[in-house]
C-alpha atoms as a PDB file:
ATOM      1  CA  UNK A   1     102.458 143.866  24.848  1.00  0.00           C
ATOM      2  CA  UNK A   2     100.925 141.119  27.011  1.00  0.00           C
ATOM      3  CA  UNK A   3     101.965 137.447  26.953  1.00  0.00           C
ATOM      4  CA  UNK A   4      98.831 136.403  25.046  1.00  0.00           C
ATOM      5  CA  UNK A   5      99.522 138.878  22.217  1.00  0.00           C
ATOM      6  CA  UNK A   6     103.178 137.816  22.095  1.00  0.00           C
ATOM      7  CA  UNK A   7     102.108 134.169  21.793  1.00  0.00           C
ATOM      8  CA  UNK A   8      99.852 134.946  18.811  1.00  0.00           C
ATOM      9  CA  UNK A   9     102.515 137.066  17.099  1.00  0.00           C
ATOM     10  CA  UNK A  10     105.047 134.245  17.476  1.00  0.00           C
ATOM     11  CA  UNK A  11     102.534 131.741  16.064  1.00  0.00           C
ATOM     12  CA  UNK A  12     101.855 133.968  13.050  1.00  0.00           C
ATOM     13  CA  UNK A  13     105.575 134.538  12.480  1.00  0.00           C
ATOM     14  CA  UNK A  14     106.397 130.813  12.770  1.00  0.00           C
ATOM     15  CA  UNK A  15     103.590 129.921  10.372  1.00  0.00           C
ATOM     16  CA  UNK A  16     104.783 132.442   7.775  1.00  0.00           C
ATOM     17  CA  UNK A  17     108.360 131.138   8.073  1.00  0.00           C
ATOM     18  CA  UNK A  18     107.075 127.580   7.553  1.00  0.00           C
ATOM     19  CA  UNK A  19     105.049 128.601   4.497  1.00  0.00           C
ATOM     20  CA  UNK A  20     108.080 130.296   2.985  1.00  0.00           C
ATOM     21  CA  UNK A  21     110.203 127.220   3.646  1.00  0.00           C
ATOM     22  CA  UNK A  22     107.587 124.927   2.091  1.00  0.00           C
ATOM     23  CA  UNK A  23     107.430 127.106  -1.013  1.00  0.00           C
ATOM     24  CA  UNK A  24     111.173 126.982  -1.634  1.00  0.00           C
ATOM     25  CA  UNK A  25     112.412 129.551   0.849  1.00  0.00           C
ATOM     26  CA  UNK A  26     111.950 132.628  -1.302  1.00  0.00           C
ATOM     27  CA  UNK A  27     109.278 135.242  -1.235  1.00  0.00           C
ATOM     28  CA  UNK A  28     105.981 133.448  -1.597  1.00  0.00           C
ATOM     29  CA  UNK A  29     104.210 134.534  -4.761  1.00  0.00           C
ATOM     30  CA  UNK A  30     100.634 133.436  -4.877  1.00  0.00           C
ATOM     31  CA  UNK A  31      97.356 133.403  -3.051  1.00  0.00           C
ATOM     32  CA  UNK A  32      96.630 131.756   0.260  1.00  0.00           C
ATOM     33  CA  UNK A  33      93.381 129.816   0.334  1.00  0.00           C
ATOM     34  CA  UNK A  34      91.850 129.229   3.748  1.00  0.00           C
ATOM     35  CA  UNK A  35      90.913 125.568   4.186  1.00  0.00           C
ATOM     36  CA  UNK A  36      90.237 125.872   7.921  1.00  0.00           C
ATOM     37  CA  UNK A  37      87.150 124.276   9.355  1.00  0.00           C
ATOM     38  CA  UNK A  38      85.874 121.538  11.620  1.00  0.00           C
ATOM     39  CA  UNK A  39      85.710 117.767  11.552  1.00  0.00           C
ATOM     40  CA  UNK A  40      82.324 116.855  10.060  1.00  0.00           C
ATOM     41  CA  UNK A  41      82.004 113.430  11.700  1.00  0.00           C
ATOM     42  CA  UNK A  42      84.288 112.399  14.528  1.00  0.00           C
ATOM     43  CA  UNK A  43      86.242 109.221  13.849  1.00  0.00           C
ATOM     44  CA  UNK A  44      85.685 109.480  10.085  1.00  0.00           C
ATOM     45  CA  UNK A  45      88.394 110.534   7.640  1.00  0.00           C
ATOM     46  CA  UNK A  46      87.574 113.585   5.556  1.00  0.00           C
ATOM     47  CA  UNK A  47      89.238 115.152   2.543  1.00  0.00           C
ATOM     48  CA  UNK A  48      91.053 118.348   3.481  1.00  0.00           C
ATOM     49  CA  UNK A  49      92.352 119.153   0.013  1.00  0.00           C
ATOM     50  CA  UNK A  50      92.454 117.320  -3.314  1.00  0.00           C
ATOM     51  CA  UNK A  51      95.692 116.660  -5.168  1.00  0.00           C
ATOM     52  CA  UNK A  52      96.839 119.772  -7.016  1.00  0.00           C
ATOM     53  CA  UNK A  53      99.989 119.968  -9.145  1.00  0.00           C
ATOM     54  CA  UNK A  54      99.932 123.781  -8.817  1.00  0.00           C
ATOM     55  CA  UNK A  55     100.133 123.780  -5.001  1.00  0.00           C
ATOM     56  CA  UNK A  56     103.177 125.680  -3.719  1.00  0.00           C
ATOM     57  CA  UNK A  57     102.706 125.040  -0.025  1.00  0.00           C
ATOM     58  CA  UNK A  58     100.344 123.747   2.632  1.00  0.00           C
ATOM     59  CA  UNK A  59     100.152 124.399   6.377  1.00  0.00           C
ATOM     60  CA  UNK A  60      97.913 122.462   8.764  1.00  0.00           C
ATOM     61  CA  UNK A  61      97.654 123.246  12.475  1.00  0.00           C
ATOM     62  CA  UNK A  62      95.894 121.619  15.372  1.00  0.00           C
ATOM     63  CA  UNK A  63      95.058 124.698  17.481  1.00  0.00           C
ATOM     64  CA  UNK A  64      96.612 124.971  20.925  1.00  0.00           C
ATOM     65  CA  UNK A  65      93.071 125.147  22.323  1.00  0.00           C
ATOM     66  CA  UNK A  66      92.342 121.617  21.030  1.00  0.00           C
ATOM     67  CA  UNK A  67      91.905 118.881  23.618  1.00  0.00           C
ATOM     68  CA  UNK A  68      92.830 116.002  21.294  1.00  0.00           C
ATOM     69  CA  UNK A  69      95.118 115.115  18.415  1.00  0.00           C
ATOM     70  CA  UNK A  70      94.468 115.748  14.733  1.00  0.00           C
ATOM     71  CA  UNK A  71      95.756 113.110  12.295  1.00  0.00           C
ATOM     72  CA  UNK A  72      96.729 113.654   8.643  1.00  0.00           C
ATOM     73  CA  UNK A  73      97.493 111.283   5.775  1.00  0.00           C
ATOM     74  CA  UNK A  74      98.363 111.548   2.092  1.00  0.00           C
ATOM     75  CA  UNK A  75      96.414 109.940  -0.766  1.00  0.00           C
ATOM     76  CA  UNK A  76      94.551 107.570   1.596  1.00  0.00           C
ATOM     77  CA  UNK A  77      92.086 107.938   4.448  1.00  0.00           C
ATOM     78  CA  UNK A  78      93.528 109.300   7.682  1.00  0.00           C
ATOM     79  CA  UNK A  79      93.272 107.024  10.699  1.00  0.00           C
ATOM     80  CA  UNK A  80      93.600 107.533  14.443  1.00  0.00           C
ATOM     81  CA  UNK A  81      96.671 105.330  14.777  1.00  0.00           C
ATOM     82  CA  UNK A  82     100.266 104.976  13.636  1.00  0.00           C
ATOM     83  CA  UNK A  83      99.339 104.941   9.920  1.00  0.00           C
ATOM     84  CA  UNK A  84      98.773 108.708   9.930  1.00  0.00           C
ATOM     85  CA  UNK A  85     100.806 111.678  11.148  1.00  0.00           C
ATOM     86  CA  UNK A  86      99.641 112.897  14.564  1.00  0.00           C
ATOM     87  CA  UNK A  87      99.473 116.597  15.400  1.00  0.00           C
ATOM     88  CA  UNK A  88      99.175 117.208  19.121  1.00  0.00           C
ATOM     89  CA  UNK A  89      97.380 120.377  20.277  1.00  0.00           C
ATOM     90  CA  UNK A  90      99.399 123.407  19.153  1.00  0.00           C
ATOM     91  CA  UNK A  91     101.463 121.515  16.565  1.00  0.00           C
ATOM     92  CA  UNK A  92     101.555 122.340  12.867  1.00  0.00           C
ATOM     93  CA  UNK A  93     102.719 120.608   9.723  1.00  0.00           C
ATOM     94  CA  UNK A  94     104.011 122.269   6.561  1.00  0.00           C
ATOM     95  CA  UNK A  95     104.684 120.772   3.172  1.00  0.00           C
ATOM     96  CA  UNK A  96     104.985 121.487  -0.507  1.00  0.00           C
ATOM     97  CA  UNK A  97     103.362 118.135  -1.353  1.00  0.00           C
ATOM     98  CA  UNK A  98     100.890 118.206  -4.222  1.00  0.00           C
ATOM     99  CA  UNK A  99      99.116 115.026  -3.056  1.00  0.00           C
ATOM    100  CA  UNK A 100      95.603 114.661  -1.663  1.00  0.00           C
ATOM    101  CA  UNK A 101      95.491 115.254   2.092  1.00  0.00           C
ATOM    102  CA  UNK A 102      92.960 113.675   4.470  1.00  0.00           C
ATOM    103  CA  UNK A 103      92.371 114.465   8.145  1.00  0.00           C
ATOM    104  CA  UNK A 104      90.612 112.901  11.113  1.00  0.00           C
ATOM    105  CA  UNK A 105      89.949 113.612  14.779  1.00  0.00           C
ATOM    106  CA  UNK A 106      87.896 111.675  17.308  1.00  0.00           C
ATOM    107  CA  UNK A 107      85.380 114.433  18.039  1.00  0.00           C
ATOM    108  CA  UNK A 108      82.828 115.965  15.671  1.00  0.00           C
ATOM    109  CA  UNK A 109      83.391 119.726  15.477  1.00  0.00           C
ATOM    110  CA  UNK A 110      87.138 119.531  16.171  1.00  0.00           C
ATOM    111  CA  UNK A 111      88.588 122.791  14.789  1.00  0.00           C
ATOM    112  CA  UNK A 112      91.611 122.752  12.479  1.00  0.00           C
ATOM    113  CA  UNK A 113      93.531 125.499  10.701  1.00  0.00           C
ATOM    114  CA  UNK A 114      94.777 124.984   7.156  1.00  0.00           C
ATOM    115  CA  UNK A 115      96.134 127.249   4.422  1.00  0.00           C
ATOM    116  CA  UNK A 116      97.063 126.319   0.859  1.00  0.00           C
ATOM    117  CA  UNK A 117      99.413 128.439  -1.243  1.00  0.00           C
ATOM    118  CA  UNK A 118      98.547 128.575  -4.941  1.00  0.00           C
ATOM    119  CA  UNK A 119     100.075 130.616  -7.774  1.00  0.00           C
END
């Protein structure tokens, strides 16, 4: 297997491990909803996912192909500064938070990957 395929397999494995950890560490029972997309207006916070008491896990990734950071925040608008969590290209964030999540990037069309685990 070539290095590129190995990189993708490792990314998939790491993401699944993170989802399991965010959902309590056991076998994840539920349905993954794809929330992936692009930033609609660069420099403007956008809702990634509304608050949901049934959420079992959430994974957000700034793809390694990105050329800028992606910022996330809970319950309030995301900002491009120290008030939001910064994901550098290739970094991901996992959580079992049930709060609203907002995202922002500087450039319109910035791609992000996001999956929500629901029962």
